[in-house]
N, C-alpha and C. Protein backbone atom coordinates (compact mmCIF):
# COMPACT_ATOMS: atom_id res chain seq x y z
N MET A 1 -124.18 12.41 22.17
CA MET A 1 -125.02 11.73 23.13
C MET A 1 -124.47 11.95 24.52
N LEU A 2 -125.33 12.28 25.45
CA LEU A 2 -124.92 12.52 26.82
C LEU A 2 -124.82 11.21 27.60
N ALA A 3 -123.87 11.17 28.50
CA ALA A 3 -123.78 10.04 29.40
C ALA A 3 -124.99 10.09 30.35
N SER A 4 -125.42 8.93 30.78
CA SER A 4 -126.63 8.84 31.60
C SER A 4 -126.50 9.64 32.90
N LYS A 5 -125.35 9.57 33.54
CA LYS A 5 -125.17 10.29 34.80
C LYS A 5 -125.21 11.80 34.58
N LYS A 6 -124.59 12.26 33.51
CA LYS A 6 -124.59 13.70 33.23
C LYS A 6 -126.00 14.18 32.90
N LYS A 7 -126.73 13.38 32.14
CA LYS A 7 -128.11 13.74 31.79
C LYS A 7 -128.98 13.79 33.03
N GLN A 8 -128.82 12.82 33.94
CA GLN A 8 -129.59 12.82 35.18
C GLN A 8 -129.27 14.04 36.03
N ALA A 9 -128.00 14.46 36.04
CA ALA A 9 -127.61 15.65 36.80
C ALA A 9 -128.27 16.90 36.22
N VAL A 10 -128.32 17.00 34.91
CA VAL A 10 -128.97 18.14 34.26
C VAL A 10 -130.46 18.14 34.57
N ILE A 11 -131.09 16.98 34.51
CA ILE A 11 -132.51 16.87 34.82
C ILE A 11 -132.78 17.27 36.27
N LYS A 12 -131.96 16.76 37.18
CA LYS A 12 -132.15 17.05 38.61
C LYS A 12 -132.00 18.55 38.88
N LYS A 13 -131.09 19.20 38.18
CA LYS A 13 -130.84 20.62 38.39
C LYS A 13 -131.99 21.50 37.88
N ASN A 14 -132.69 21.05 36.84
CA ASN A 14 -133.68 21.90 36.18
C ASN A 14 -135.13 21.47 36.34
N ARG A 15 -135.39 20.42 37.09
CA ARG A 15 -136.76 19.94 37.20
C ARG A 15 -137.61 20.85 38.10
N ILE A 16 -138.90 20.79 37.88
CA ILE A 16 -139.85 21.62 38.63
C ILE A 16 -140.29 20.91 39.90
N HIS A 17 -140.53 19.61 39.81
CA HIS A 17 -140.92 18.82 40.97
C HIS A 17 -140.12 17.53 40.96
N GLU A 18 -140.30 16.70 41.97
CA GLU A 18 -139.46 15.53 42.20
C GLU A 18 -139.43 14.52 41.05
N THR A 19 -140.56 14.31 40.39
CA THR A 19 -140.60 13.29 39.34
C THR A 19 -140.61 13.90 37.93
N ASP A 20 -140.24 15.15 37.80
CA ASP A 20 -140.28 15.86 36.52
C ASP A 20 -139.12 15.42 35.63
N THR A 21 -139.45 14.92 34.44
CA THR A 21 -138.43 14.60 33.45
C THR A 21 -138.78 15.15 32.08
N GLY A 22 -139.96 15.73 31.91
CA GLY A 22 -140.38 16.13 30.58
C GLY A 22 -140.89 17.54 30.45
N SER A 23 -140.73 18.38 31.46
CA SER A 23 -141.19 19.76 31.34
C SER A 23 -140.32 20.49 30.32
N PRO A 24 -140.82 21.59 29.77
CA PRO A 24 -140.03 22.33 28.79
C PRO A 24 -138.67 22.78 29.35
N GLU A 25 -138.64 23.12 30.63
CA GLU A 25 -137.38 23.55 31.23
C GLU A 25 -136.33 22.44 31.19
N VAL A 26 -136.75 21.23 31.52
CA VAL A 26 -135.83 20.08 31.51
C VAL A 26 -135.41 19.77 30.08
N GLN A 27 -136.35 19.78 29.16
CA GLN A 27 -136.02 19.46 27.77
C GLN A 27 -135.05 20.48 27.18
N VAL A 28 -135.26 21.75 27.47
CA VAL A 28 -134.35 22.79 26.97
C VAL A 28 -132.97 22.62 27.59
N ALA A 29 -132.92 22.30 28.88
CA ALA A 29 -131.63 22.12 29.54
C ALA A 29 -130.85 20.94 28.96
N VAL A 30 -131.54 19.83 28.71
CA VAL A 30 -130.88 18.65 28.14
C VAL A 30 -130.42 18.96 26.71
N LEU A 31 -131.27 19.60 25.93
CA LEU A 31 -130.89 19.95 24.56
C LEU A 31 -129.71 20.92 24.55
N SER A 32 -129.70 21.87 25.47
CA SER A 32 -128.59 22.83 25.53
C SER A 32 -127.28 22.14 25.85
N THR A 33 -127.33 21.17 26.75
CA THR A 33 -126.13 20.42 27.10
C THR A 33 -125.64 19.60 25.90
N GLN A 34 -126.57 18.98 25.19
CA GLN A 34 -126.21 18.21 23.99
C GLN A 34 -125.66 19.12 22.90
N ILE A 35 -126.25 20.28 22.74
CA ILE A 35 -125.79 21.24 21.73
C ILE A 35 -124.37 21.69 22.03
N ASP A 36 -124.09 21.98 23.30
CA ASP A 36 -122.74 22.40 23.69
C ASP A 36 -121.71 21.31 23.39
N ALA A 37 -122.07 20.07 23.71
CA ALA A 37 -121.14 18.96 23.47
C ALA A 37 -120.92 18.75 21.97
N LEU A 38 -121.97 18.84 21.19
CA LEU A 38 -121.84 18.63 19.75
C LEU A 38 -121.10 19.79 19.08
N ALA A 39 -121.31 21.00 19.56
CA ALA A 39 -120.58 22.14 19.02
C ALA A 39 -119.08 21.99 19.28
N LYS A 40 -118.74 21.50 20.45
CA LYS A 40 -117.34 21.25 20.78
C LYS A 40 -116.76 20.18 19.84
N HIS A 41 -117.52 19.14 19.57
CA HIS A 41 -117.09 18.09 18.64
C HIS A 41 -116.87 18.66 17.24
N LEU A 42 -117.79 19.52 16.80
CA LEU A 42 -117.71 20.05 15.44
C LEU A 42 -116.57 21.04 15.26
N LYS A 43 -116.12 21.65 16.33
CA LYS A 43 -114.95 22.52 16.23
C LYS A 43 -113.70 21.71 15.90
N LYS A 44 -113.67 20.49 16.40
CA LYS A 44 -112.53 19.62 16.13
C LYS A 44 -112.67 18.92 14.79
N HIS A 45 -113.90 18.50 14.45
CA HIS A 45 -114.16 17.75 13.22
C HIS A 45 -115.01 18.60 12.28
N LYS A 46 -114.36 19.50 11.58
CA LYS A 46 -115.07 20.49 10.78
C LYS A 46 -115.86 19.90 9.61
N LYS A 47 -115.48 18.75 9.10
CA LYS A 47 -116.14 18.18 7.94
C LYS A 47 -117.21 17.15 8.28
N ASP A 48 -117.57 17.04 9.53
CA ASP A 48 -118.58 16.07 9.97
C ASP A 48 -119.97 16.65 9.72
N ASN A 49 -120.42 16.57 8.48
CA ASN A 49 -121.69 17.19 8.10
C ASN A 49 -122.90 16.45 8.64
N HIS A 50 -122.80 15.17 8.88
CA HIS A 50 -123.93 14.43 9.45
C HIS A 50 -124.23 14.90 10.87
N SER A 51 -123.19 15.12 11.65
CA SER A 51 -123.39 15.62 13.01
C SER A 51 -123.85 17.07 12.98
N ARG A 52 -123.39 17.82 12.00
CA ARG A 52 -123.81 19.22 11.87
C ARG A 52 -125.32 19.30 11.63
N ARG A 53 -125.84 18.38 10.83
CA ARG A 53 -127.28 18.34 10.59
C ARG A 53 -128.04 18.04 11.88
N GLY A 54 -127.50 17.13 12.69
CA GLY A 54 -128.11 16.83 13.98
C GLY A 54 -128.10 18.03 14.89
N LEU A 55 -127.00 18.80 14.86
CA LEU A 55 -126.90 20.01 15.67
C LEU A 55 -127.98 21.01 15.27
N ILE A 56 -128.14 21.21 13.99
CA ILE A 56 -129.15 22.15 13.49
C ILE A 56 -130.55 21.70 13.91
N LYS A 57 -130.79 20.40 13.86
CA LYS A 57 -132.08 19.86 14.26
C LYS A 57 -132.33 20.09 15.77
N MET A 58 -131.29 19.89 16.58
CA MET A 58 -131.43 20.10 18.03
C MET A 58 -131.68 21.57 18.35
N VAL A 59 -130.99 22.47 17.65
CA VAL A 59 -131.19 23.90 17.88
C VAL A 59 -132.62 24.29 17.53
N ALA A 60 -133.14 23.76 16.43
CA ALA A 60 -134.53 24.05 16.03
C ALA A 60 -135.51 23.49 17.06
N ASP A 61 -135.22 22.30 17.58
CA ASP A 61 -136.09 21.68 18.59
C ASP A 61 -136.09 22.51 19.87
N ARG A 62 -134.91 22.98 20.27
CA ARG A 62 -134.82 23.82 21.47
C ARG A 62 -135.60 25.11 21.27
N ARG A 63 -135.48 25.70 20.09
CA ARG A 63 -136.20 26.93 19.80
C ARG A 63 -137.71 26.71 19.89
N THR A 64 -138.17 25.55 19.40
CA THR A 64 -139.59 25.22 19.46
C THR A 64 -140.06 25.11 20.91
N HIS A 65 -139.28 24.44 21.75
CA HIS A 65 -139.63 24.32 23.17
C HIS A 65 -139.66 25.69 23.84
N LEU A 66 -138.71 26.55 23.49
CA LEU A 66 -138.67 27.88 24.09
C LEU A 66 -139.87 28.72 23.65
N LYS A 67 -140.26 28.63 22.40
CA LYS A 67 -141.45 29.36 21.93
C LYS A 67 -142.69 28.88 22.65
N TYR A 68 -142.80 27.55 22.84
CA TYR A 68 -143.95 27.00 23.56
C TYR A 68 -144.00 27.54 24.98
N LEU A 69 -142.85 27.52 25.66
CA LEU A 69 -142.81 27.99 27.05
C LEU A 69 -143.11 29.48 27.13
N GLU A 70 -142.62 30.25 26.19
CA GLU A 70 -142.90 31.69 26.18
C GLU A 70 -144.39 31.94 26.00
N ARG A 71 -145.02 31.16 25.14
CA ARG A 71 -146.45 31.31 24.88
C ARG A 71 -147.29 30.91 26.09
N LYS A 72 -146.86 29.87 26.81
CA LYS A 72 -147.65 29.35 27.92
C LYS A 72 -147.40 30.07 29.24
N SER A 73 -146.13 30.45 29.49
CA SER A 73 -145.81 31.07 30.78
C SER A 73 -144.59 31.98 30.65
N LYS A 74 -144.84 33.27 30.53
CA LYS A 74 -143.74 34.23 30.36
C LYS A 74 -142.78 34.24 31.55
N PRO A 75 -143.27 34.16 32.80
CA PRO A 75 -142.31 34.17 33.93
C PRO A 75 -141.37 32.96 33.92
N ARG A 76 -141.90 31.78 33.61
CA ARG A 76 -141.05 30.58 33.55
C ARG A 76 -140.05 30.70 32.40
N TYR A 77 -140.49 31.27 31.28
CA TYR A 77 -139.61 31.47 30.13
C TYR A 77 -138.46 32.41 30.50
N ALA A 78 -138.81 33.53 31.14
CA ALA A 78 -137.78 34.50 31.52
C ALA A 78 -136.79 33.90 32.51
N ALA A 79 -137.31 33.14 33.47
CA ALA A 79 -136.42 32.51 34.47
C ALA A 79 -135.50 31.50 33.80
N LEU A 80 -136.01 30.73 32.86
CA LEU A 80 -135.19 29.73 32.16
C LEU A 80 -134.12 30.40 31.31
N MET A 81 -134.49 31.45 30.60
CA MET A 81 -133.52 32.16 29.76
C MET A 81 -132.37 32.71 30.62
N LYS A 82 -132.72 33.25 31.77
CA LYS A 82 -131.70 33.79 32.66
C LYS A 82 -130.84 32.67 33.24
N LYS A 83 -131.47 31.58 33.64
CA LYS A 83 -130.74 30.47 34.25
C LYS A 83 -129.81 29.80 33.26
N MET A 84 -130.28 29.60 32.03
CA MET A 84 -129.47 28.92 31.01
C MET A 84 -128.54 29.87 30.26
N GLU A 85 -128.64 31.15 30.53
CA GLU A 85 -127.82 32.19 29.89
C GLU A 85 -127.96 32.14 28.37
N LEU A 86 -129.20 32.04 27.90
CA LEU A 86 -129.47 31.97 26.47
C LEU A 86 -129.80 33.33 25.85
N VAL A 87 -129.82 34.34 26.66
CA VAL A 87 -130.19 35.67 26.16
C VAL A 87 -129.13 36.25 25.28
């Protein structure tokens, strides 16, 4: 789980307009931050299978958001992939 301040910073960095909190870009950025934090946790706690399941679910959710964005707007998808270094 992300701290509120860190999550707000990620949202502020990736939003499209001033009040944006739910665009695919923001959702992918928040999920990517959570995935990184959970992956770091799982490197230390190798037998934490409950958290591993959550990680797999978040990765699938991020993939779904990326597919949606690619289908709706290829330029925004390409810019997000480059910005988040997911390529």
